[in-house]
C-alpha atoms as a PDB file:
ATOM      1  CA  MET A   1     -60.775 115.862 -71.981  1.00  0.00           C
ATOM      2  CA  LYS A   2     -59.646 113.416 -74.617  1.00  0.00           C
ATOM      3  CA  SER A   3     -62.782 111.280 -74.136  1.00  0.00           C
ATOM      4  CA  ARG A   4     -64.958 114.356 -74.680  1.00  0.00           C
ATOM      5  CA  LEU A   5     -63.228 115.038 -77.970  1.00  0.00           C
ATOM      6  CA  VAL A   6     -63.667 111.416 -79.094  1.00  0.00           C
ATOM      7  CA  ALA A   7     -67.339 111.407 -78.027  1.00  0.00           C
ATOM      8  CA  SER A   8     -67.923 114.702 -79.825  1.00  0.00           C
ATOM      9  CA  ALA A   9     -66.318 113.377 -83.020  1.00  0.00           C
ATOM     10  CA  ALA A  10     -68.334 110.136 -82.808  1.00  0.00           C
ATOM     11  CA  LEU A  11     -71.578 112.068 -82.301  1.00  0.00           C
ATOM     12  CA  SER A  12     -70.760 114.303 -85.281  1.00  0.00           C
ATOM     13  CA  ALA A  13     -70.067 111.243 -87.427  1.00  0.00           C
ATOM     14  CA  LEU A  14     -73.390 109.658 -86.424  1.00  0.00           C
ATOM     15  CA  VAL A  15     -75.307 112.859 -87.219  1.00  0.00           C
ATOM     16  CA  LEU A  16     -73.557 113.156 -90.571  1.00  0.00           C
ATOM     17  CA  LEU A  17     -74.214 109.505 -91.394  1.00  0.00           C
ATOM     18  CA  GLY A  18     -77.858 109.826 -90.357  1.00  0.00           C
ATOM     19  CA  ALA A  19     -78.357 112.913 -92.500  1.00  0.00           C
ATOM     20  CA  THR A  20     -76.847 111.373 -95.625  1.00  0.00           C
ATOM     21  CA  GLY A  21     -77.655 107.701 -95.119  1.00  0.00           C
ATOM     22  CA  CYS A  22     -80.943 107.957 -97.016  1.00  0.00           C
ATOM     23  CA  THR A  23     -79.137 108.048-100.335  1.00  0.00           C
ATOM     24  CA  PHE A  24     -77.818 104.539 -99.790  1.00  0.00           C
ATOM     25  CA  ILE A  25     -81.279 102.965 -99.693  1.00  0.00           C
ATOM     26  CA  THR A  26     -83.505 105.422-101.574  1.00  0.00           C
ATOM     27  CA  PRO A  27     -83.200 105.803-105.369  1.00  0.00           C
ATOM     28  CA  GLN A  28     -82.730 109.355-106.581  1.00  0.00           C
ATOM     29  CA  SER A  29     -85.720 110.423-108.652  1.00  0.00           C
ATOM     30  CA  THR A  30     -83.551 112.797-110.675  1.00  0.00           C
ATOM     31  CA  LYS A  31     -81.751 109.773-112.138  1.00  0.00           C
ATOM     32  CA  ILE A  32     -84.994 108.262-113.471  1.00  0.00           C
ATOM     33  CA  GLU A  33     -85.885 109.239-117.054  1.00  0.00           C
ATOM     34  CA  TYR A  34     -89.564 109.948-117.698  1.00  0.00           C
ATOM     35  CA  PRO A  35     -91.599 112.256-119.928  1.00  0.00           C
ATOM     36  CA  ALA A  36     -92.141 115.532-118.130  1.00  0.00           C
ATOM     37  CA  SER A  37     -95.593 115.934-119.626  1.00  0.00           C
ATOM     38  CA  ASP A  38     -98.839 114.067-120.264  1.00  0.00           C
ATOM     39  CA  GLY A  39     -97.610 112.293-123.395  1.00  0.00           C
ATOM     40  CA  VAL A  40     -95.116 109.492-123.949  1.00  0.00           C
ATOM     41  CA  ASN A  41     -91.849 109.338-125.865  1.00  0.00           C
ATOM     42  CA  ILE A  42     -91.418 106.776-128.646  1.00  0.00           C
ATOM     43  CA  SER A  43     -88.042 105.794-130.071  1.00  0.00           C
ATOM     44  CA  ASP A  44     -87.783 103.132-132.736  1.00  0.00           C
ATOM     45  CA  ALA A  45     -84.392 101.476-132.286  1.00  0.00           C
ATOM     46  CA  ASP A  46     -84.293 100.526-135.984  1.00  0.00           C
ATOM     47  CA  GLY A  47     -86.004 103.618-137.405  1.00  0.00           C
ATOM     48  CA  PRO A  48     -84.601 107.101-137.873  1.00  0.00           C
ATOM     49  CA  ILE A  49     -87.479 109.129-136.375  1.00  0.00           C
ATOM     50  CA  ASP A  50     -88.239 109.899-132.721  1.00  0.00           C
ATOM     51  CA  VAL A  51     -91.681 110.906-131.465  1.00  0.00           C
ATOM     52  CA  ARG A  52     -91.862 113.086-128.355  1.00  0.00           C
ATOM     53  CA  ASN A  53     -94.783 113.846-126.032  1.00  0.00           C
ATOM     54  CA  VAL A  54     -97.318 111.921-128.125  1.00  0.00           C
ATOM     55  CA  LEU A  55    -100.894 111.888-126.858  1.00  0.00           C
ATOM     56  CA  VAL A  56    -104.431 111.944-128.205  1.00  0.00           C
ATOM     57  CA  ILE A  57    -106.985 114.629-127.328  1.00  0.00           C
ATOM     58  CA  ALA A  58    -110.411 113.056-127.858  1.00  0.00           C
ATOM     59  CA  THR A  59    -114.060 114.013-127.854  1.00  0.00           C
ATOM     60  CA  GLU A  60    -116.059 113.122-124.746  1.00  0.00           C
ATOM     61  CA  ASP A  61    -117.381 109.903-126.299  1.00  0.00           C
ATOM     62  CA  GLY A  62    -113.921 108.934-127.592  1.00  0.00           C
ATOM     63  CA  SER A  63    -115.008 108.508-131.203  1.00  0.00           C
ATOM     64  CA  ILE A  64    -112.692 111.159-132.668  1.00  0.00           C
ATOM     65  CA  GLY A  65    -109.208 112.172-131.568  1.00  0.00           C
ATOM     66  CA  ASN A  66    -106.435 114.554-132.503  1.00  0.00           C
ATOM     67  CA  LEU A  67    -102.900 113.149-132.385  1.00  0.00           C
ATOM     68  CA  ILE A  68    -100.547 115.642-130.734  1.00  0.00           C
ATOM     69  CA  ALA A  69     -96.768 115.088-130.907  1.00  0.00           C
ATOM     70  CA  ALA A  70     -93.360 116.459-131.766  1.00  0.00           C
ATOM     71  CA  VAL A  71     -91.786 114.325-134.502  1.00  0.00           C
ATOM     72  CA  VAL A  72     -88.000 114.667-134.809  1.00  0.00           C
ATOM     73  CA  ASN A  73     -85.806 113.581-137.722  1.00  0.00           C
ATOM     74  CA  PRO A  74     -82.077 113.766-136.889  1.00  0.00           C
ATOM     75  CA  THR A  75     -81.018 112.319-140.264  1.00  0.00           C
ATOM     76  CA  GLU A  76     -79.778 114.129-143.352  1.00  0.00           C
ATOM     77  CA  GLU A  77     -82.714 112.945-145.480  1.00  0.00           C
ATOM     78  CA  SER A  78     -86.435 113.600-145.368  1.00  0.00           C
ATOM     79  CA  GLU A  79     -88.260 110.740-143.609  1.00  0.00           C
ATOM     80  CA  THR A  80     -91.881 109.606-143.364  1.00  0.00           C
ATOM     81  CA  LEU A  81     -93.460 108.332-140.158  1.00  0.00           C
ATOM     82  CA  THR A  82     -96.462 106.010-140.485  1.00  0.00           C
ATOM     83  CA  ILE A  83     -98.791 105.726-137.492  1.00  0.00           C
ATOM     84  CA  THR A  84    -101.380 102.954-137.332  1.00  0.00           C
ATOM     85  CA  VAL A  85    -104.241 102.862-134.827  1.00  0.00           C
ATOM     86  CA  GLY A  86    -105.964  99.468-134.855  1.00  0.00           C
ATOM     87  CA  ASP A  87    -107.688  98.746-138.173  1.00  0.00           C
ATOM     88  CA  LEU A  88    -107.999 102.427-139.128  1.00  0.00           C
ATOM     89  CA  ASP A  89    -106.297 103.937-142.166  1.00  0.00           C
ATOM     90  CA  PRO A  90    -102.640 104.767-141.432  1.00  0.00           C
ATOM     91  CA  LEU A  91    -101.642 108.359-140.690  1.00  0.00           C
ATOM     92  CA  THR A  92     -98.434 109.730-142.209  1.00  0.00           C
ATOM     93  CA  VAL A  93     -96.138 112.606-141.334  1.00  0.00           C
ATOM     94  CA  THR A  94     -93.212 113.681-143.496  1.00  0.00           C
ATOM     95  CA  VAL A  95     -90.377 115.281-141.541  1.00  0.00           C
ATOM     96  CA  PRO A  96     -87.660 117.272-143.332  1.00  0.00           C
ATOM     97  CA  ALA A  97     -83.989 116.366-142.930  1.00  0.00           C
ATOM     98  CA  GLY A  98     -82.684 117.504-139.557  1.00  0.00           C
ATOM     99  CA  GLY A  99     -86.120 118.909-138.794  1.00  0.00           C
ATOM    100  CA  ARG A 100     -89.075 118.696-136.470  1.00  0.00           C
ATOM    101  CA  VAL A 101     -92.829 118.713-137.007  1.00  0.00           C
ATOM    102  CA  SER A 102     -94.961 119.820-134.052  1.00  0.00           C
ATOM    103  CA  LEU A 103     -98.437 118.359-134.494  1.00  0.00           C
ATOM    104  CA  GLY A 104    -100.910 120.468-132.554  1.00  0.00           C
ATOM    105  CA  ALA A 105     -98.520 123.403-132.113  1.00  0.00           C
ATOM    106  CA  ASP A 106     -96.924 124.583-135.373  1.00  0.00           C
ATOM    107  CA  GLU A 107     -98.876 122.127-137.549  1.00  0.00           C
ATOM    108  CA  GLU A 108    -102.461 120.878-137.462  1.00  0.00           C
ATOM    109  CA  PRO A 109    -102.891 117.727-135.364  1.00  0.00           C
ATOM    110  CA  LEU A 110    -103.584 114.460-137.156  1.00  0.00           C
ATOM    111  CA  ARG A 111    -107.289 113.596-136.916  1.00  0.00           C
ATOM    112  CA  ILE A 112    -108.238 110.036-135.942  1.00  0.00           C
ATOM    113  CA  ASP A 113    -111.829 109.236-136.964  1.00  0.00           C
ATOM    114  CA  GLY A 114    -113.209 106.016-135.463  1.00  0.00           C
ATOM    115  CA  LEU A 115    -110.902 106.134-132.429  1.00  0.00           C
ATOM    116  CA  ASP A 116    -113.259 104.241-130.076  1.00  0.00           C
ATOM    117  CA  THR A 117    -111.230 105.025-126.909  1.00  0.00           C
ATOM    118  CA  LYS A 118    -112.600 107.277-124.180  1.00  0.00           C
ATOM    119  CA  PRO A 119    -110.466 109.928-122.460  1.00  0.00           C
ATOM    120  CA  GLY A 120    -108.594 108.529-119.480  1.00  0.00           C
ATOM    121  CA  ALA A 121    -107.641 105.302-121.251  1.00  0.00           C
ATOM    122  CA  THR A 122    -104.750 104.466-123.552  1.00  0.00           C
ATOM    123  CA  VAL A 123    -104.785 103.390-127.175  1.00  0.00           C
ATOM    124  CA  GLU A 124    -102.255 101.073-128.809  1.00  0.00           C
ATOM    125  CA  MET A 125    -100.484 102.649-131.778  1.00  0.00           C
ATOM    126  CA  HIS A 126     -97.828 101.367-134.148  1.00  0.00           C
ATOM    127  CA  PHE A 127     -95.083 103.821-135.197  1.00  0.00           C
ATOM    128  CA  GLN A 128     -92.918 102.946-138.212  1.00  0.00           C
ATOM    129  CA  SER A 129     -90.280 104.922-140.105  1.00  0.00           C
ATOM    130  CA  GLY A 130     -87.599 104.127-142.645  1.00  0.00           C
ATOM    131  CA  ASP A 131     -86.916 100.424-143.180  1.00  0.00           C
ATOM    132  CA  SER A 132     -87.752  99.471-139.601  1.00  0.00           C
ATOM    133  CA  THR A 133     -90.505  97.098-138.541  1.00  0.00           C
ATOM    134  CA  GLY A 134     -91.691  99.782-136.133  1.00  0.00           C
ATOM    135  CA  VAL A 135     -92.672  99.836-132.491  1.00  0.00           C
ATOM    136  CA  LYS A 136     -95.994  99.570-130.642  1.00  0.00           C
ATOM    137  CA  ALA A 137     -96.806 101.881-127.746  1.00  0.00           C
ATOM    138  CA  GLU A 138     -99.704 102.668-125.436  1.00  0.00           C
ATOM    139  CA  VAL A 139    -100.582 106.336-125.963  1.00  0.00           C
ATOM    140  CA  PRO A 140    -102.668 108.261-123.399  1.00  0.00           C
ATOM    141  CA  VAL A 141    -106.047 109.628-124.485  1.00  0.00           C
ATOM    142  CA  LEU A 142    -107.069 112.884-122.785  1.00  0.00           C
ATOM    143  CA  ASP A 143    -109.976 115.302-123.047  1.00  0.00           C
ATOM    144  CA  GLY A 144    -110.097 119.086-123.165  1.00  0.00           C
ATOM    145  CA  SER A 145    -110.735 119.636-119.454  1.00  0.00           C
ATOM    146  CA  LEU A 146    -107.282 121.179-119.011  1.00  0.00           C
ATOM    147  CA  PRO A 147    -107.197 124.729-120.410  1.00  0.00           C
ATOM    148  CA  TYR A 148    -104.131 124.147-122.592  1.00  0.00           C
ATOM    149  CA  TYR A 149    -105.850 121.195-124.317  1.00  0.00           C
ATOM    150  CA  ALA A 150    -109.281 122.813-124.751  1.00  0.00           C
ATOM    151  CA  ASP A 151    -108.490 124.188-128.232  1.00  0.00           C
ATOM    152  CA  LEU A 152    -107.147 120.811-129.393  1.00  0.00           C
ATOM    153  CA  VAL A 153    -110.378 118.819-128.924  1.00  0.00           C
ATOM    154  CA  PRO A 154    -111.555 117.776-132.410  1.00  0.00           C
ATOM    155  CA  SER A 155    -114.862 119.037-133.713  1.00  0.00           C
ATOM    156  CA  GLU A 156    -117.518 116.429-134.450  1.00  0.00           C
ATOM    157  CA  LYS A 157    -117.445 117.209-138.170  1.00  0.00           C
ATOM    158  CA  ALA A 158    -114.353 116.742-140.250  1.00  0.00           C
ATOM    159  CA  SER A 159    -113.053 119.993-141.606  1.00  0.00           C
ATOM    160  CA  THR A 160    -113.766 120.461-145.277  1.00  0.00           C
ATOM    161  CA  PRO A 161    -111.473 122.426-147.521  1.00  0.00           C
ATOM    162  CA  THR A 162    -112.646 125.861-148.552  1.00  0.00           C
ATOM    163  CA  PRO A 163    -113.796 125.774-152.184  1.00  0.00           C
ATOM    164  CA  LEU A 164    -111.607 127.651-154.612  1.00  0.00           C
ATOM    165  CA  PRO A 165    -113.114 130.716-156.269  1.00  0.00           C
ATOM    166  CA  THR A 166    -114.368 130.247-159.809  1.00  0.00           C
ATOM    167  CA  ASP A 167    -114.352 132.689-162.671  1.00  0.00           C
ATOM    168  CA  THR A 168    -117.662 134.441-163.116  1.00  0.00           C
ATOM    169  CA  ALA A 169    -118.960 135.967-166.280  1.00  0.00           C
ATOM    170  CA  ALA A 170    -119.099 139.745-166.446  1.00  0.00           C
ATOM    171  CA  PRO A 171    -122.643 141.095-166.213  1.00  0.00           C
ATOM    172  CA  ALA A 172    -124.274 141.898-169.538  1.00  0.00           C
ATOM    173  CA  PRO A 173    -124.559 145.631-170.221  1.00  0.00           C
ATOM    174  CA  SER A 174    -128.073 146.965-169.827  1.00  0.00           C
ATOM    175  CA  ASN A 175    -129.592 149.104-172.601  1.00  0.00           C
END
């Protein structure tokens, strides 16, 4: 009877060990940090601003793109983020103290003319804020094939501001 009890306990221990043994050799994916979206997260160790879920939605030929991102400023002062794509003119975003700017959601996305990167690739960008030297990152370039990105594809023509109304002369009275 005693040997049955010992055998039963040993079998239970083996089953328990077999059921939980995977955690000793397999890393838990919930402990791995990664962006839970299509974009990437950029943190400049020396700069005050963080950029979350940054990606570019481009035209089919990759010549024009819209920069989509959430830019966060945890400091108590307004900060400016400068984004450089290759030799193109830098893009700037001013973020209020303790605030967030959502490019592509609450705010218009930043337009990148002369992108020269087709959807499906990545583009190297340089992000700089405050007195930091900045950080380079590979940012994914996507198209509008997914429904939630369809409205963010840039138009071929740059938007032009609506002209302001001008004063017109009153018509002359007729006799």
